[in-house]
């Protein structure tokens, strides 16, 4: 199966953000978390189309869920 072919910079950034989020879920790497946040900031700053603005909102919501679920919780004794 051939990998998807992206025609638009926004599609590439959306796909990269999703991939980074999946990798972060598996590793909880702080560097990946910063990269996801950078992608989301770029999307917010350049959201000139309603499609990109909606994608940014959806991904930001998903990121909050992923990052909250992956963050270590303190152990209470």
N, C-alpha and C. Protein backbone atom coordinates (compact mmCIF):
# COMPACT_ATOMS: atom_id res chain seq x y z
N UNK A 1 0.85 -1.18 0.00
CA UNK A 1 0.00 0.00 0.00
C UNK A 1 0.89 1.24 0.00
N UNK A 2 0.63 2.14 -0.90
CA UNK A 2 1.44 3.34 -1.03
C UNK A 2 1.07 4.34 0.06
N UNK A 3 2.07 5.08 0.55
CA UNK A 3 1.77 6.10 1.56
C UNK A 3 0.92 7.21 0.94
N UNK A 4 0.15 7.92 1.76
CA UNK A 4 -0.69 8.99 1.20
C UNK A 4 0.18 10.10 0.62
N UNK A 5 -0.32 10.72 -0.43
CA UNK A 5 0.40 11.82 -1.06
C UNK A 5 -0.31 13.12 -0.68
N UNK A 6 0.40 14.01 -0.01
CA UNK A 6 -0.20 15.25 0.45
C UNK A 6 0.11 16.36 -0.56
N UNK A 7 -0.87 17.19 -0.81
CA UNK A 7 -0.73 18.25 -1.80
C UNK A 7 -0.63 19.63 -1.18
N UNK A 8 -0.89 19.72 0.07
CA UNK A 8 -0.99 21.02 0.71
C UNK A 8 -0.15 21.02 1.99
N UNK A 9 0.49 22.14 2.27
CA UNK A 9 1.30 22.26 3.48
C UNK A 9 0.47 21.97 4.72
N UNK A 10 -0.77 22.45 4.73
CA UNK A 10 -1.63 22.23 5.89
C UNK A 10 -1.89 20.73 6.11
N UNK A 11 -2.09 19.99 5.02
CA UNK A 11 -2.31 18.55 5.15
C UNK A 11 -1.08 17.88 5.75
N UNK A 12 0.09 18.32 5.35
CA UNK A 12 1.34 17.75 5.86
C UNK A 12 1.47 18.03 7.35
N UNK A 13 1.19 19.26 7.76
CA UNK A 13 1.32 19.63 9.17
C UNK A 13 0.30 18.87 10.02
N UNK A 14 -0.91 18.70 9.52
CA UNK A 14 -1.94 17.95 10.24
C UNK A 14 -1.49 16.50 10.40
N UNK A 15 -1.03 15.89 9.32
CA UNK A 15 -0.57 14.50 9.38
C UNK A 15 0.63 14.36 10.32
N UNK A 16 1.55 15.30 10.25
CA UNK A 16 2.73 15.25 11.13
C UNK A 16 2.33 15.40 12.59
N UNK A 17 1.39 16.27 12.86
CA UNK A 17 0.93 16.48 14.23
C UNK A 17 0.28 15.21 14.77
N UNK A 18 -0.55 14.58 13.96
CA UNK A 18 -1.18 13.32 14.38
C UNK A 18 -0.13 12.25 14.66
N UNK A 19 0.88 12.16 13.79
CA UNK A 19 1.94 11.17 13.97
C UNK A 19 2.71 11.45 15.26
N UNK A 20 3.04 12.73 15.50
CA UNK A 20 3.77 13.09 16.72
C UNK A 20 2.95 12.76 17.96
N UNK A 21 1.64 13.00 17.89
CA UNK A 21 0.79 12.69 19.03
C UNK A 21 0.77 11.19 19.32
N UNK A 22 0.71 10.38 18.27
CA UNK A 22 0.74 8.93 18.45
C UNK A 22 2.07 8.48 19.05
N UNK A 23 3.17 9.04 18.56
CA UNK A 23 4.48 8.70 19.09
C UNK A 23 4.59 9.13 20.55
N UNK A 24 4.05 10.31 20.87
CA UNK A 24 4.09 10.78 22.25
C UNK A 24 3.32 9.83 23.16
N UNK A 25 2.18 9.32 22.70
CA UNK A 25 1.40 8.39 23.52
C UNK A 25 2.22 7.16 23.87
N UNK A 26 3.08 6.73 22.95
CA UNK A 26 3.88 5.53 23.18
C UNK A 26 5.12 5.80 24.03
N UNK A 27 5.66 7.02 23.96
CA UNK A 27 6.95 7.28 24.60
C UNK A 27 6.92 8.30 25.73
N UNK A 28 5.95 9.21 25.73
CA UNK A 28 5.87 10.32 26.69
C UNK A 28 7.14 11.18 26.65
N UNK A 29 7.74 11.29 25.49
CA UNK A 29 8.96 12.06 25.30
C UNK A 29 8.64 13.56 25.31
N UNK A 30 9.36 14.31 26.14
CA UNK A 30 9.11 15.75 26.25
C UNK A 30 9.44 16.49 24.95
N UNK A 31 10.42 16.00 24.22
CA UNK A 31 10.77 16.63 22.93
C UNK A 31 9.61 16.49 21.95
N UNK A 32 8.97 15.34 21.92
CA UNK A 32 7.80 15.16 21.06
C UNK A 32 6.65 16.07 21.49
N UNK A 33 6.48 16.23 22.79
CA UNK A 33 5.43 17.12 23.29
C UNK A 33 5.67 18.54 22.80
N UNK A 34 6.92 19.00 22.85
CA UNK A 34 7.23 20.35 22.35
C UNK A 34 6.96 20.46 20.85
N UNK A 35 7.26 19.40 20.11
CA UNK A 35 7.02 19.43 18.67
C UNK A 35 5.53 19.49 18.36
N UNK A 36 4.72 18.75 19.09
CA UNK A 36 3.27 18.80 18.90
C UNK A 36 2.79 20.22 19.16
N UNK A 37 3.25 20.81 20.26
CA UNK A 37 2.81 22.16 20.60
C UNK A 37 3.26 23.18 19.55
N UNK A 38 4.45 22.99 18.98
CA UNK A 38 4.91 23.88 17.91
C UNK A 38 4.02 23.75 16.67
N UNK A 39 3.65 22.52 16.33
CA UNK A 39 2.77 22.31 15.17
C UNK A 39 1.42 22.99 15.41
N UNK A 40 0.88 22.83 16.62
CA UNK A 40 -0.41 23.44 16.93
C UNK A 40 -0.33 24.97 16.90
N UNK A 41 0.77 25.53 17.39
CA UNK A 41 0.95 26.98 17.32
C UNK A 41 1.03 27.46 15.89
N UNK A 42 1.76 26.72 15.04
CA UNK A 42 1.86 27.09 13.63
C UNK A 42 0.49 27.04 12.97
N UNK A 43 -0.28 26.01 13.28
CA UNK A 43 -1.61 25.88 12.69
C UNK A 43 -2.51 27.04 13.13
N UNK A 44 -2.45 27.39 14.42
CA UNK A 44 -3.27 28.51 14.90
C UNK A 44 -2.89 29.81 14.22
N UNK A 45 -1.59 30.02 14.05
CA UNK A 45 -1.11 31.27 13.47
C UNK A 45 -1.44 31.38 11.99
N UNK A 46 -1.56 30.26 11.29
CA UNK A 46 -1.78 30.33 9.85
C UNK A 46 -3.13 29.77 9.44
N UNK A 47 -4.07 29.70 10.36
CA UNK A 47 -5.40 29.16 10.06
C UNK A 47 -6.25 30.18 9.32
N UNK A 48 -6.00 30.29 8.02
CA UNK A 48 -6.76 31.23 7.20
C UNK A 48 -8.01 30.59 6.62
N UNK A 49 -8.08 29.28 6.63
CA UNK A 49 -9.26 28.60 6.09
C UNK A 49 -10.05 27.98 7.23
N UNK A 50 -11.35 27.87 7.06
CA UNK A 50 -12.18 27.23 8.10
C UNK A 50 -11.78 25.77 8.34
N UNK A 51 -11.34 25.09 7.29
CA UNK A 51 -10.94 23.69 7.42
C UNK A 51 -9.73 23.58 8.35
N UNK A 52 -8.73 24.43 8.16
CA UNK A 52 -7.54 24.39 9.00
C UNK A 52 -7.87 24.83 10.43
N UNK A 53 -8.72 25.83 10.57
CA UNK A 53 -9.11 26.28 11.91
C UNK A 53 -9.83 25.16 12.66
N UNK A 54 -10.73 24.45 11.98
CA UNK A 54 -11.43 23.32 12.61
C UNK A 54 -10.47 22.20 12.96
N UNK A 55 -9.53 21.90 12.06
CA UNK A 55 -8.54 20.86 12.33
C UNK A 55 -7.69 21.23 13.54
N UNK A 56 -7.32 22.50 13.62
CA UNK A 56 -6.51 22.97 14.74
C UNK A 56 -7.27 22.81 16.05
N UNK A 57 -8.53 23.19 16.07
CA UNK A 57 -9.34 23.05 17.28
C UNK A 57 -9.47 21.59 17.69
N UNK A 58 -9.74 20.72 16.72
CA UNK A 58 -9.90 19.29 17.00
C UNK A 58 -8.59 18.71 17.52
N UNK A 59 -7.49 19.04 16.86
CA UNK A 59 -6.19 18.50 17.29
C UNK A 59 -5.77 19.06 18.65
N UNK A 60 -6.09 20.32 18.90
CA UNK A 60 -5.76 20.90 20.21
C UNK A 60 -6.53 20.18 21.32
N UNK A 61 -7.79 19.89 21.06
CA UNK A 61 -8.60 19.15 22.03
C UNK A 61 -8.03 17.75 22.24
N UNK A 62 -7.70 17.05 21.13
CA UNK A 62 -7.12 15.71 21.24
C UNK A 62 -5.79 15.75 21.98
N UNK A 63 -4.99 16.80 21.73
CA UNK A 63 -3.69 16.92 22.39
C UNK A 63 -3.86 17.06 23.89
N UNK A 64 -4.82 17.87 24.32
CA UNK A 64 -5.06 18.02 25.76
C UNK A 64 -5.42 16.68 26.39
N UNK A 65 -6.24 15.90 25.70
CA UNK A 65 -6.62 14.59 26.22
C UNK A 65 -5.41 13.65 26.28
N UNK A 66 -4.62 13.65 25.21
CA UNK A 66 -3.44 12.77 25.14
C UNK A 66 -2.41 13.17 26.17
N UNK A 67 -2.11 14.45 26.25
CA UNK A 67 -1.06 14.89 27.17
C UNK A 67 -1.49 14.75 28.62
N UNK A 68 -2.76 14.95 28.92
CA UNK A 68 -3.23 14.76 30.29
C UNK A 68 -3.21 13.28 30.68
N UNK A 69 -3.58 12.41 29.76
CA UNK A 69 -3.61 10.98 30.04
C UNK A 69 -2.19 10.42 30.18
N UNK A 70 -1.24 11.01 29.48
CA UNK A 70 0.13 10.49 29.49
C UNK A 70 0.99 11.06 30.59
N UNK A 71 0.55 12.17 31.17
CA UNK A 71 1.38 12.79 32.21
C UNK A 71 1.35 11.93 33.47
N UNK A 72 2.49 11.81 34.11
CA UNK A 72 2.54 10.97 35.32
C UNK A 72 1.71 11.60 36.44
N UNK A 73 0.98 10.76 37.12
CA UNK A 73 0.18 11.23 38.25
C UNK A 73 0.92 10.91 39.54
N UNK A 74 0.90 11.83 40.48
CA UNK A 74 1.61 11.57 41.75
C UNK A 74 0.97 10.41 42.50
N UNK A 75 1.80 9.65 43.15
CA UNK A 75 1.32 8.54 43.95
C UNK A 75 1.14 9.03 45.38
N UNK A 76 -0.05 8.87 45.88
CA UNK A 76 -0.35 9.31 47.24
C UNK A 76 -0.19 8.15 48.19
N UNK A 77 0.49 8.35 49.28
CA UNK A 77 0.71 7.30 50.27
C UNK A 77 -0.11 7.58 51.50
